[in-house]
């Protein structure tokens, strides 16, 4: 699943007529590594915010968009649903939908069950 950071990078590449390989080269990483970061399978390296801002000469608004995309991406958790059974997938999706509605007590009880 493409993260907000991945969406920002994709838009940036499109605007600059670049492909994934070009950006990976600019960041001194492999295409597969950049793709994994954009899809939330790897963490966004801390140095990338400045590298991208400087390499692509981002204006202040774009720098804010980049920073926001990194913050939003770091809030995301990825689950390999293809590797889980139907019940696990259903449970994970329900938890993702309802997590904001659960009280601290409910979350604590669920955590106890899972441990």
Protein backbone atom coordinates (compact mmCIF):
# COMPACT_ATOMS: atom_id res chain seq x y z
CA UNK A 1 0.00 0.00 0.00
CA UNK A 2 1.45 3.32 -1.04
CA UNK A 3 2.05 5.57 1.98
CA UNK A 4 1.55 9.35 2.02
CA UNK A 5 5.34 9.60 1.64
CA UNK A 6 5.17 7.27 -1.36
CA UNK A 7 2.41 9.39 -2.90
CA UNK A 8 4.49 12.54 -2.37
CA UNK A 9 7.52 10.94 -4.02
CA UNK A 10 5.48 9.59 -6.92
CA UNK A 11 3.96 13.02 -7.58
CA UNK A 12 7.40 14.62 -7.33
CA UNK A 13 8.77 12.14 -9.89
CA UNK A 14 5.87 12.72 -12.26
CA UNK A 15 6.28 16.50 -11.98
CA UNK A 16 10.00 16.14 -12.75
CA UNK A 17 9.59 13.51 -15.48
CA UNK A 18 11.58 10.99 -13.45
CA UNK A 19 11.12 7.30 -12.90
CA UNK A 20 11.68 5.36 -9.69
CA UNK A 21 15.19 4.47 -10.81
CA UNK A 22 16.13 8.15 -11.12
CA UNK A 23 14.99 9.00 -7.61
CA UNK A 24 16.65 5.90 -6.18
CA UNK A 25 19.89 6.96 -7.83
CA UNK A 26 19.54 10.48 -6.39
CA UNK A 27 19.06 8.98 -2.90
CA UNK A 28 21.91 6.48 -3.38
CA UNK A 29 19.69 3.45 -2.81
CA UNK A 30 18.35 0.60 -4.91
CA UNK A 31 15.02 0.78 -6.68
CA UNK A 32 13.71 -2.06 -4.52
CA UNK A 33 14.68 -0.24 -1.31
CA UNK A 34 12.99 3.00 -2.39
CA UNK A 35 9.90 1.05 -3.41
CA UNK A 36 9.81 -0.72 -0.02
CA UNK A 37 10.01 2.64 1.79
CA UNK A 38 7.26 4.14 -0.37
CA UNK A 39 5.03 1.14 0.32
CA UNK A 40 5.61 1.19 4.07
CA UNK A 41 7.61 -2.02 4.18
CA UNK A 42 10.70 -0.12 5.36
CA UNK A 43 11.07 2.95 7.56
CA UNK A 44 11.82 6.30 5.99
CA UNK A 45 15.50 7.09 6.67
CA UNK A 46 15.86 10.25 8.76
CA UNK A 47 18.24 11.87 6.30
CA UNK A 48 15.81 11.65 3.39
CA UNK A 49 13.76 14.71 4.28
CA UNK A 50 16.78 16.97 3.80
CA UNK A 51 18.17 14.96 0.89
CA UNK A 52 14.91 15.17 -1.04
CA UNK A 53 14.40 18.85 -0.17
CA UNK A 54 17.90 19.76 -1.31
CA UNK A 55 18.17 17.43 -4.31
CA UNK A 56 14.83 18.51 -5.74
CA UNK A 57 15.16 22.16 -4.66
CA UNK A 58 11.76 22.10 -2.95
CA UNK A 59 10.08 25.37 -2.08
CA UNK A 60 8.78 25.96 1.46
CA UNK A 61 5.28 24.66 0.71
CA UNK A 62 6.69 21.47 -0.84
CA UNK A 63 8.98 21.02 2.17
CA UNK A 64 5.94 21.21 4.46
CA UNK A 65 4.10 18.69 2.27
CA UNK A 66 7.11 16.38 2.42
CA UNK A 67 7.35 16.72 6.20
CA UNK A 68 3.60 16.06 6.60
CA UNK A 69 3.81 13.01 4.33
CA UNK A 70 6.64 11.60 6.47
CA UNK A 71 4.71 12.20 9.70
CA UNK A 72 1.54 10.60 8.30
CA UNK A 73 3.48 7.64 6.90
CA UNK A 74 5.15 6.98 10.24
CA UNK A 75 1.69 6.65 11.83
CA UNK A 76 0.84 3.75 9.52
CA UNK A 77 1.29 0.08 10.32
CA UNK A 78 1.43 -2.50 7.54
CA UNK A 79 0.18 -6.05 7.91
CA UNK A 80 0.94 -8.78 5.36
CA UNK A 81 -2.70 -9.79 4.87
CA UNK A 82 -1.85 -12.23 2.09
CA UNK A 83 -0.02 -14.33 4.66
CA UNK A 84 -2.88 -14.47 7.18
CA UNK A 85 -5.99 -16.58 7.25
CA UNK A 86 -9.46 -15.20 6.61
CA UNK A 87 -10.26 -14.79 10.32
CA UNK A 88 -6.99 -12.96 10.99
CA UNK A 89 -7.55 -10.66 8.05
CA UNK A 90 -11.10 -9.85 9.19
CA UNK A 91 -9.91 -9.20 12.74
CA UNK A 92 -7.07 -6.90 11.63
CA UNK A 93 -9.37 -4.90 9.37
CA UNK A 94 -11.97 -4.52 12.14
CA UNK A 95 -9.29 -3.42 14.60
CA UNK A 96 -7.99 -0.84 12.13
CA UNK A 97 -11.51 0.56 11.61
CA UNK A 98 -12.46 0.66 15.28
CA UNK A 99 -9.15 1.39 17.03
CA UNK A 100 -9.98 5.07 17.50
CA UNK A 101 -13.29 4.20 19.16
CA UNK A 102 -11.88 1.86 21.81
CA UNK A 103 -11.35 3.02 25.39
CA UNK A 104 -8.03 2.60 27.17
CA UNK A 105 -9.61 -0.14 29.27
CA UNK A 106 -10.79 -2.04 26.17
CA UNK A 107 -7.36 -1.71 24.59
CA UNK A 108 -5.70 -2.94 27.80
CA UNK A 109 -7.98 -6.00 27.89
CA UNK A 110 -7.26 -6.80 24.26
CA UNK A 111 -3.55 -6.46 24.90
CA UNK A 112 -3.81 -8.88 27.84
CA UNK A 113 -5.61 -11.41 25.66
CA UNK A 114 -2.97 -11.15 22.95
CA UNK A 115 -0.13 -11.60 25.41
